[in-house]
Amino acid sequence: ALGVMNLFWIASLAILVLLEKVTPSGRLIARTVG
């Protein structure tokens, strides 16, 4: 939806995945982004 080779969105999603997994508020982040 955002662009398969759009580097901005690739990096943004990678950061989101990292925050979801390694921060104590990962679940809250996931639902807020949802």
PDB file of all heavy atoms in Angstrom:
ATOM      1  N   ALA A   1       0.822  -1.212   0.000  1.00  0.00           N
ATOM      2  CA  ALA A   1       0.000   0.000   0.000  1.00  0.00           C
ATOM      3  C   ALA A   1       0.855   1.260   0.000  1.00  0.00           C
ATOM      4  O   ALA A   1       0.496   2.271  -0.612  1.00  0.00           O
ATOM      5  CB  ALA A   1      -0.928   0.008   1.218  1.00  0.00           C
ATOM      6  N   LEU A   2       1.995   1.218   0.688  1.00  0.00           N
ATOM      7  CA  LEU A   2       2.820   2.410   0.883  1.00  0.00           C
ATOM      8  C   LEU A   2       3.940   2.546  -0.143  1.00  0.00           C
ATOM      9  O   LEU A   2       4.515   3.626  -0.282  1.00  0.00           O
ATOM     10  CB  LEU A   2       3.414   2.393   2.294  1.00  0.00           C
ATOM     11  CG  LEU A   2       2.391   2.297   3.439  1.00  0.00           C
ATOM     12  CD1 LEU A   2       3.101   2.078   4.764  1.00  0.00           C
ATOM     13  CD2 LEU A   2       1.517   3.532   3.479  1.00  0.00           C
ATOM     14  N   GLY A   3       4.248   1.464  -0.841  1.00  0.00           N
ATOM     15  CA  GLY A   3       5.338   1.475  -1.818  1.00  0.00           C
ATOM     16  C   GLY A   3       6.374   0.426  -1.460  1.00  0.00           C
ATOM     17  O   GLY A   3       7.037   0.549  -0.433  1.00  0.00           O
ATOM     18  N   VAL A   4       6.491  -0.595  -2.293  1.00  0.00           N
ATOM     19  CA  VAL A   4       7.372  -1.717  -1.977  1.00  0.00           C
ATOM     20  C   VAL A   4       8.817  -1.264  -1.802  1.00  0.00           C
ATOM     21  O   VAL A   4       9.528  -1.743  -0.926  1.00  0.00           O
ATOM     22  CB  VAL A   4       7.274  -2.800  -3.077  1.00  0.00           C
ATOM     23  CG1 VAL A   4       8.300  -3.901  -2.846  1.00  0.00           C
ATOM     24  CG2 VAL A   4       5.857  -3.394  -3.110  1.00  0.00           C
ATOM     25  N   MET A   5       9.265  -0.314  -2.615  1.00  0.00           N
ATOM     26  CA  MET A   5      10.648   0.148  -2.521  1.00  0.00           C
ATOM     27  C   MET A   5      10.752   1.579  -1.993  1.00  0.00           C
ATOM     28  O   MET A   5      11.711   2.286  -2.272  1.00  0.00           O
ATOM     29  CB  MET A   5      11.326   0.053  -3.890  1.00  0.00           C
ATOM     30  CG  MET A   5      11.748  -1.358  -4.265  1.00  0.00           C
ATOM     31  SD  MET A   5      12.925  -2.068  -3.085  1.00  0.00           S
ATOM     32  CE  MET A   5      14.337  -1.002  -3.323  1.00  0.00           C
ATOM     33  N   ASN A   6       9.770   1.999  -1.217  1.00  0.00           N
ATOM     34  CA  ASN A   6       9.802   3.322  -0.604  1.00  0.00           C
ATOM     35  C   ASN A   6      10.657   3.237   0.666  1.00  0.00           C
ATOM     36  O   ASN A   6      10.215   2.689   1.689  1.00  0.00           O
ATOM     37  CB  ASN A   6       8.379   3.777  -0.272  1.00  0.00           C
ATOM     38  CG  ASN A   6       8.322   5.212   0.216  1.00  0.00           C
ATOM     39  OD1 ASN A   6       9.073   5.607   1.103  1.00  0.00           O
ATOM     40  ND2 ASN A   6       7.422   5.996  -0.358  1.00  0.00           N
ATOM     41  N   LEU A   7      11.863   3.759   0.610  1.00  0.00           N
ATOM     42  CA  LEU A   7      12.802   3.607   1.717  1.00  0.00           C
ATOM     43  C   LEU A   7      12.309   4.260   2.999  1.00  0.00           C
ATOM     44  O   LEU A   7      12.604   3.776   4.105  1.00  0.00           O
ATOM     45  CB  LEU A   7      14.166   4.179   1.324  1.00  0.00           C
ATOM     46  CG  LEU A   7      14.901   3.455   0.191  1.00  0.00           C
ATOM     47  CD1 LEU A   7      16.230   4.142  -0.099  1.00  0.00           C
ATOM     48  CD2 LEU A   7      15.127   1.989   0.544  1.00  0.00           C
ATOM     49  N   PHE A   8      11.552   5.358   2.876  1.00  0.00           N
ATOM     50  CA  PHE A   8      11.030   6.015   4.075  1.00  0.00           C
ATOM     51  C   PHE A   8      10.108   5.076   4.839  1.00  0.00           C
ATOM     52  O   PHE A   8      10.229   4.931   6.064  1.00  0.00           O
ATOM     53  CB  PHE A   8      10.281   7.291   3.698  1.00  0.00           C
ATOM     54  CG  PHE A   8       9.542   7.915   4.856  1.00  0.00           C
ATOM     55  CD1 PHE A   8      10.220   8.686   5.787  1.00  0.00           C
ATOM     56  CD2 PHE A   8       8.170   7.717   5.023  1.00  0.00           C
ATOM     57  CE1 PHE A   8       9.550   9.257   6.864  1.00  0.00           C
ATOM     58  CE2 PHE A   8       7.493   8.279   6.095  1.00  0.00           C
ATOM     59  CZ  PHE A   8       8.181   9.054   7.012  1.00  0.00           C
ATOM     60  N   TRP A   9       9.190   4.432   4.124  1.00  0.00           N
ATOM     61  CA  TRP A   9       8.243   3.546   4.798  1.00  0.00           C
ATOM     62  C   TRP A   9       8.901   2.249   5.252  1.00  0.00           C
ATOM     63  O   TRP A   9       8.535   1.694   6.289  1.00  0.00           O
ATOM     64  CB  TRP A   9       7.047   3.260   3.893  1.00  0.00           C
ATOM     65  CG  TRP A   9       6.134   4.427   3.767  1.00  0.00           C
ATOM     66  CD1 TRP A   9       5.870   5.166   2.650  1.00  0.00           C
ATOM     67  CD2 TRP A   9       5.361   5.026   4.821  1.00  0.00           C
ATOM     68  NE1 TRP A   9       4.989   6.182   2.933  1.00  0.00           N
ATOM     69  CE2 TRP A   9       4.658   6.118   4.261  1.00  0.00           C
ATOM     70  CE3 TRP A   9       5.186   4.748   6.177  1.00  0.00           C
ATOM     71  CZ2 TRP A   9       3.808   6.919   5.015  1.00  0.00           C
ATOM     72  CZ3 TRP A   9       4.344   5.548   6.930  1.00  0.00           C
ATOM     73  CH2 TRP A   9       3.666   6.619   6.354  1.00  0.00           C
ATOM     74  N   ILE A  10       9.877   1.774   4.504  1.00  0.00           N
ATOM     75  CA  ILE A  10      10.608   0.585   4.942  1.00  0.00           C
ATOM     76  C   ILE A  10      11.298   0.865   6.281  1.00  0.00           C
ATOM     77  O   ILE A  10      11.218   0.073   7.224  1.00  0.00           O
ATOM     78  CB  ILE A  10      11.644   0.165   3.879  1.00  0.00           C
ATOM     79  CG1 ILE A  10      10.938  -0.308   2.607  1.00  0.00           C
ATOM     80  CG2 ILE A  10      12.545  -0.952   4.416  1.00  0.00           C
ATOM     81  CD1 ILE A  10      11.891  -0.576   1.460  1.00  0.00           C
ATOM     82  N   ALA A  11      11.967   2.016   6.370  1.00  0.00           N
ATOM     83  CA  ALA A  11      12.653   2.380   7.609  1.00  0.00           C
ATOM     84  C   ALA A  11      11.654   2.625   8.741  1.00  0.00           C
ATOM     85  O   ALA A  11      11.887   2.216   9.892  1.00  0.00           O
ATOM     86  CB  ALA A  11      13.508   3.624   7.385  1.00  0.00           C
ATOM     87  N   SER A  12      10.528   3.278   8.430  1.00  0.00           N
ATOM     88  CA  SER A  12       9.522   3.568   9.454  1.00  0.00           C
ATOM     89  C   SER A  12       8.941   2.283  10.042  1.00  0.00           C
ATOM     90  O   SER A  12       8.777   2.164  11.266  1.00  0.00           O
ATOM     91  CB  SER A  12       8.402   4.419   8.857  1.00  0.00           C
ATOM     92  OG  SER A  12       8.888   5.677   8.428  1.00  0.00           O
ATOM     93  N   LEU A  13       8.643   1.320   9.185  1.00  0.00           N
ATOM     94  CA  LEU A  13       8.094   0.044   9.664  1.00  0.00           C
ATOM     95  C   LEU A  13       9.136  -0.730  10.463  1.00  0.00           C
ATOM     96  O   LEU A  13       8.803  -1.382  11.465  1.00  0.00           O
ATOM     97  CB  LEU A  13       7.596  -0.785   8.487  1.00  0.00           C
ATOM     98  CG  LEU A  13       6.341  -0.256   7.783  1.00  0.00           C
ATOM     99  CD1 LEU A  13       6.046  -1.057   6.526  1.00  0.00           C
ATOM    100  CD2 LEU A  13       5.134  -0.303   8.724  1.00  0.00           C
ATOM    101  N   ALA A  14      10.404  -0.657  10.054  1.00  0.00           N
ATOM    102  CA  ALA A  14      11.465  -1.338  10.802  1.00  0.00           C
ATOM    103  C   ALA A  14      11.596  -0.751  12.207  1.00  0.00           C
ATOM    104  O   ALA A  14      11.764  -1.485  13.192  1.00  0.00           O
ATOM    105  CB  ALA A  14      12.790  -1.218  10.048  1.00  0.00           C
ATOM    106  N   ILE A  15      11.511   0.568  12.313  1.00  0.00           N
ATOM    107  CA  ILE A  15      11.582   1.222  13.626  1.00  0.00           C
ATOM    108  C   ILE A  15      10.371   0.847  14.467  1.00  0.00           C
ATOM    109  O   ILE A  15      10.491   0.593  15.675  1.00  0.00           O
ATOM    110  CB  ILE A  15      11.682   2.745  13.453  1.00  0.00           C
ATOM    111  CG1 ILE A  15      13.024   3.118  12.811  1.00  0.00           C
ATOM    112  CG2 ILE A  15      11.528   3.466  14.795  1.00  0.00           C
ATOM    113  CD1 ILE A  15      13.129   4.576  12.409  1.00  0.00           C
ATOM    114  N   LEU A  16       9.202   0.799  13.859  1.00  0.00           N
ATOM    115  CA  LEU A  16       7.990   0.414  14.583  1.00  0.00           C
ATOM    116  C   LEU A  16       8.116  -0.999  15.139  1.00  0.00           C
ATOM    117  O   LEU A  16       7.788  -1.249  16.314  1.00  0.00           O
ATOM    118  CB  LEU A  16       6.779   0.506  13.650  1.00  0.00           C
ATOM    119  CG  LEU A  16       5.455  -0.040  14.218  1.00  0.00           C
ATOM    120  CD1 LEU A  16       5.063   0.704  15.484  1.00  0.00           C
ATOM    121  CD2 LEU A  16       4.358   0.038  13.161  1.00  0.00           C
ATOM    122  N   VAL A  17       8.590  -1.936  14.321  1.00  0.00           N
ATOM    123  CA  VAL A  17       8.774  -3.315  14.774  1.00  0.00           C
ATOM    124  C   VAL A  17       9.734  -3.360  15.959  1.00  0.00           C
ATOM    125  O   VAL A  17       9.489  -4.056  16.952  1.00  0.00           O
ATOM    126  CB  VAL A  17       9.295  -4.189  13.615  1.00  0.00           C
ATOM    127  CG1 VAL A  17       9.769  -5.545  14.124  1.00  0.00           C
ATOM    128  CG2 VAL A  17       8.208  -4.374  12.565  1.00  0.00           C
ATOM    129  N   LEU A  18      10.825  -2.604  15.874  1.00  0.00           N
ATOM    130  CA  LEU A  18      11.804  -2.570  16.956  1.00  0.00           C
ATOM    131  C   LEU A  18      11.190  -2.032  18.241  1.00  0.00           C
ATOM    132  O   LEU A  18      11.384  -2.594  19.323  1.00  0.00           O
ATOM    133  CB  LEU A  18      12.998  -1.719  16.530  1.00  0.00           C
ATOM    134  CG  LEU A  18      14.166  -1.618  17.516  1.00  0.00           C
ATOM    135  CD1 LEU A  18      14.802  -2.984  17.723  1.00  0.00           C
ATOM    136  CD2 LEU A  18      15.208  -0.621  17.023  1.00  0.00           C
ATOM    137  N   LEU A  19      10.428  -0.941  18.128  1.00  0.00           N
ATOM    138  CA  LEU A  19       9.802  -0.358  19.316  1.00  0.00           C
ATOM    139  C   LEU A  19       8.780  -1.294  19.936  1.00  0.00           C
ATOM    140  O   LEU A  19       8.668  -1.390  21.166  1.00  0.00           O
ATOM    141  CB  LEU A  19       9.131   0.973  18.940  1.00  0.00           C
ATOM    142  CG  LEU A  19      10.068   2.121  18.550  1.00  0.00           C
ATOM    143  CD1 LEU A  19       9.264   3.338  18.115  1.00  0.00           C
ATOM    144  CD2 LEU A  19      10.984   2.482  19.716  1.00  0.00           C
ATOM    145  N   GLU A  20       8.018  -1.984  19.104  1.00  0.00           N
ATOM    146  CA  GLU A  20       7.029  -2.932  19.632  1.00  0.00           C
ATOM    147  C   GLU A  20       7.696  -4.030  20.455  1.00  0.00           C
ATOM    148  O   GLU A  20       7.170  -4.449  21.487  1.00  0.00           O
ATOM    149  CB  GLU A  20       6.254  -3.575  18.479  1.00  0.00           C
ATOM    150  CG  GLU A  20       5.187  -2.693  17.862  1.00  0.00           C
ATOM    151  CD  GLU A  20       4.344  -3.437  16.849  1.00  0.00           C
ATOM    152  OE1 GLU A  20       4.584  -4.655  16.627  1.00  0.00           O
ATOM    153  OE2 GLU A  20       3.439  -2.819  16.272  1.00  0.00           O
ATOM    154  N   LYS A  21       8.855  -4.484  20.005  1.00  0.00           N
ATOM    155  CA  LYS A  21       9.480  -5.653  20.621  1.00  0.00           C
ATOM    156  C   LYS A  21      10.346  -5.339  21.828  1.00  0.00           C
ATOM    157  O   LYS A  21      10.429  -6.148  22.753  1.00  0.00           O
ATOM    158  CB  LYS A  21      10.329  -6.389  19.577  1.00  0.00           C
ATOM    159  CG  LYS A  21       9.509  -7.086  18.500  1.00  0.00           C
ATOM    160  CD  LYS A  21      10.437  -7.873  17.588  1.00  0.00           C
ATOM    161  CE  LYS A  21       9.676  -8.612  16.518  1.00  0.00           C
ATOM    162  NZ  LYS A  21      10.580  -9.425  15.665  1.00  0.00           N
ATOM    163  N   VAL A  22      11.026  -4.189  21.825  1.00  0.00           N
ATOM    164  CA  VAL A  22      12.046  -3.963  22.853  1.00  0.00           C
ATOM    165  C   VAL A  22      11.656  -2.940  23.915  1.00  0.00           C
ATOM    166  O   VAL A  22      12.405  -2.753  24.875  1.00  0.00           O
ATOM    167  CB  VAL A  22      13.387  -3.546  22.214  1.00  0.00           C
ATOM    168  CG1 VAL A  22      13.844  -4.579  21.199  1.00  0.00           C
ATOM    169  CG2 VAL A  22      13.290  -2.171  21.566  1.00  0.00           C
ATOM    170  N   THR A  23      10.528  -2.262  23.754  1.00  0.00           N
ATOM    171  CA  THR A  23      10.129  -1.284  24.755  1.00  0.00           C
ATOM    172  C   THR A  23       9.015  -1.843  25.635  1.00  0.00           C
ATOM    173  O   THR A  23       8.199  -2.650  25.177  1.00  0.00           O
ATOM    174  CB  THR A  23       9.638   0.021  24.090  1.00  0.00           C
ATOM    175  OG1 THR A  23       8.486  -0.268  23.283  1.00  0.00           O
ATOM    176  CG2 THR A  23      10.725   0.616  23.209  1.00  0.00           C
ATOM    177  N   PRO A  24       8.959  -1.423  26.893  1.00  0.00           N
ATOM    178  CA  PRO A  24       7.912  -1.916  27.798  1.00  0.00           C
ATOM    179  C   PRO A  24       6.498  -1.580  27.315  1.00  0.00           C
ATOM    180  O   PRO A  24       5.545  -2.290  27.636  1.00  0.00           O
ATOM    181  CB  PRO A  24       8.227  -1.192  29.119  1.00  0.00           C
ATOM    182  CG  PRO A  24       9.677  -0.838  29.022  1.00  0.00           C
ATOM    183  CD  PRO A  24       9.920  -0.541  27.584  1.00  0.00           C
ATOM    184  N   SER A  25       6.360  -0.499  26.575  1.00  0.00           N
ATOM    185  CA  SER A  25       5.038  -0.083  26.089  1.00  0.00           C
ATOM    186  C   SER A  25       4.777  -0.578  24.663  1.00  0.00           C
ATOM    187  O   SER A  25       3.998   0.023  23.935  1.00  0.00           O
ATOM    188  CB  SER A  25       4.932   1.445  26.139  1.00  0.00           C
ATOM    189  OG  SER A  25       5.996   2.054  25.413  1.00  0.00           O
ATOM    190  N   GLY A  26       5.420  -1.691  24.301  1.00  0.00           N
ATOM    191  CA  GLY A  26       5.293  -2.209  22.946  1.00  0.00           C
ATOM    192  C   GLY A  26       3.860  -2.514  22.541  1.00  0.00           C
ATOM    193  O   GLY A  26       3.438  -2.215  21.417  1.00  0.00           O
ATOM    194  N   ARG A  27       3.101  -3.087  23.459  1.00  0.00           N
ATOM    195  CA  ARG A  27       1.704  -3.419  23.138  1.00  0.00           C
ATOM    196  C   ARG A  27       0.886  -2.160  22.914  1.00  0.00           C
ATOM    197  O   ARG A  27       0.055  -2.097  21.997  1.00  0.00           O
ATOM    198  CB  ARG A  27       1.101  -4.246  24.271  1.00  0.00           C
ATOM    199  CG  ARG A  27      -0.304  -4.759  23.977  1.00  0.00           C
ATOM    200  CD  ARG A  27      -0.814  -5.628  25.104  1.00  0.00           C
ATOM    201  NE  ARG A  27      -2.154  -6.123  24.839  1.00  0.00           N
ATOM    202  CZ  ARG A  27      -2.882  -6.825  25.706  1.00  0.00           C
ATOM    203  NH1 ARG A  27      -2.373  -7.128  26.896  1.00  0.00           N
ATOM    204  NH2 ARG A  27      -4.100  -7.229  25.408  1.00  0.00           N
ATOM    205  N   LEU A  28       1.107  -1.135  23.739  1.00  0.00           N
ATOM    206  CA  LEU A  28       0.401   0.136  23.576  1.00  0.00           C
ATOM    207  C   LEU A  28       0.770   0.783  22.249  1.00  0.00           C
ATOM    208  O   LEU A  28      -0.096   1.314  21.549  1.00  0.00           O
ATOM    209  CB  LEU A  28       0.738   1.072  24.736  1.00  0.00           C
ATOM    210  CG  LEU A  28       0.136   2.488  24.660  1.00  0.00           C
ATOM    211  CD1 LEU A  28      -1.384   2.425  24.651  1.00  0.00           C
ATOM    212  CD2 LEU A  28       0.629   3.337  25.826  1.00  0.00           C
ATOM    213  N   ILE A  29       2.050   0.731  21.906  1.00  0.00           N
ATOM    214  CA  ILE A  29       2.493   1.289  20.626  1.00  0.00           C
ATOM    215  C   ILE A  29       1.802   0.572  19.474  1.00  0.00           C
ATOM    216  O   ILE A  29       1.316   1.205  18.527  1.00  0.00           O
ATOM    217  CB  ILE A  29       4.023   1.176  20.500  1.00  0.00           C
ATOM    218  CG1 ILE A  29       4.714   2.110  21.502  1.00  0.00           C
ATOM    219  CG2 ILE A  29       4.474   1.504  19.073  1.00  0.00           C
ATOM    220  CD1 ILE A  29       6.215   1.926  21.563  1.00  0.00           C
ATOM    221  N   ALA A  30       1.743  -0.762  19.551  1.00  0.00           N
ATOM    222  CA  ALA A  30       1.122  -1.537  18.481  1.00  0.00           C
ATOM    223  C   ALA A  30      -0.341  -1.147  18.293  1.00  0.00           C
ATOM    224  O   ALA A  30      -0.811  -0.963  17.160  1.00  0.00           O
ATOM    225  CB  ALA A  30       1.243  -3.030  18.789  1.00  0.00           C
ATOM    226  N   ARG A  31      -1.064  -0.998  19.398  1.00  0.00           N
ATOM    227  CA  ARG A  31      -2.488  -0.685  19.293  1.00  0.00           C
ATOM    228  C   ARG A  31      -2.719   0.763  18.863  1.00  0.00           C
ATOM    229  O   ARG A  31      -3.665   1.042  18.107  1.00  0.00           O
ATOM    230  CB  ARG A  31      -3.176  -0.971  20.626  1.00  0.00           C
ATOM    231  CG  ARG A  31      -3.164  -2.462  20.965  1.00  0.00           C
ATOM    232  CD  ARG A  31      -4.111  -2.821  22.070  1.00  0.00           C
ATOM    233  NE  ARG A  31      -4.299  -4.267  22.148  1.00  0.00           N
ATOM    234  CZ  ARG A  31      -5.216  -4.866  22.883  1.00  0.00           C
ATOM    235  NH1 ARG A  31      -6.049  -4.129  23.606  1.00  0.00           N
ATOM    236  NH2 ARG A  31      -5.333  -6.175  22.886  1.00  0.00           N
ATOM    237  N   THR A  32      -1.873   1.652  19.320  1.00  0.00           N
ATOM    238  CA  THR A  32      -2.006   3.058  18.901  1.00  0.00           C
ATOM    239  C   THR A  32      -1.781   3.191  17.405  1.00  0.00           C
ATOM    240  O   THR A  32      -2.536   3.872  16.701  1.00  0.00           O
ATOM    241  CB  THR A  32      -1.008   3.941  19.671  1.00  0.00           C
ATOM    242  OG1 THR A  32      -1.251   3.815  21.079  1.00  0.00           O
ATOM    243  CG2 THR A  32      -1.154   5.394  19.265  1.00  0.00           C
ATOM    244  N   VAL A  33      -0.740   2.533  16.918  1.00  0.00           N
ATOM    245  CA  VAL A  33      -0.458   2.558  15.483  1.00  0.00           C
ATOM    246  C   VAL A  33      -1.587   1.882  14.718  1.00  0.00           C
ATOM    247  O   VAL A  33      -1.950   2.303  13.609  1.00  0.00           O
ATOM    248  CB  VAL A  33       0.891   1.878  15.194  1.00  0.00           C
ATOM    249  CG1 VAL A  33       1.088   1.676  13.700  1.00  0.00           C
ATOM    250  CG2 VAL A  33       2.038   2.705  15.762  1.00  0.00           C
ATOM    251  N   GLY A  34      -2.168   0.834  15.315  1.00  0.00           N
ATOM    252  CA  GLY A  34      -3.290   0.160  14.674  1.00  0.00           C
ATOM    253  C   GLY A  34      -4.460   1.106  14.439  1.00  0.00           C
ATOM    254  O   GLY A  34      -5.098   1.073  13.376  1.00  0.00           O
TER     255      GLY A  34
END
